[in-house]
Amino acid sequence: MTGVLFMSATPKSGGLHDEIEFAGVRLEDSVVENARFSDCLFQRCVLGRTQFRECRFVNCRFQHCDLNLAQFPQSVLSNVSFEDCKVVGVLWIDAQWPTRGTPGLSFLRCQLNSGSFSALRLPKLIARECQARDVDFREADLTGADLRGTDCAESLFAKAILTGADLRNARNYQINPAETAVQNGRFSLPEAMALLYALNIKLDDPA
């Protein structure tokens, strides 16, 4: 992001928004269609249940925003970051994701509960120090993902690819290495014991 140059009241359907700061925008239960956002900054915006239909977000940042139950049907997100945001119940599977390359999606200290990334190709996804409870990661390609310090209680990872992923200090995850690729992943104790329990391995203390 090269720096925000202009201020705008609200995102507009069909608009081209380049290097614009959206500050304190309230747009609940609204629809924004065919809009393009490039190098934009969203700060303290309330966008709950807003539908971004066939929009495009490139090099954008969301900070302290409420996006609970927001929808991104057929929208493109490329190099987009969320910091201290509420993004509960978002079905990321509705967005349009590239078949090659990486979308560059990152979350820091966000609430991601009850969302779905199922079967998406999201290598190098960052979801650090987040709440990611009851999230569907099944069959997702999370190669090299950074999930450090994230609470993954009740989240699903069946058949996901976590090769080279970093889950140090992540907690409450239930990952079965027999059905999930975890080669070269990084884990920390005591949480990593859950991997052994899933394989039905019994550990005895030395006599």
Foldseek 3Di string as FASTA:
>chain_A
DPAADEEDDDFAALEEAESYEHEQHEDECEEHEAYEYECYEYEQYEHDLYEYEQYEHENYEYENYEHDNYEDAQYAAAQYEYENYEHEQYAPVRYDYDPDDARNYEYYQYEHENYEPALAEHEQYYHELYEHEQYEDDNYEHDQHEHENYEHANYDHFQYEDANYEHENYANDQDAVVGYHQHNYHYDPPRCVNNVVSVVDDDDDDD
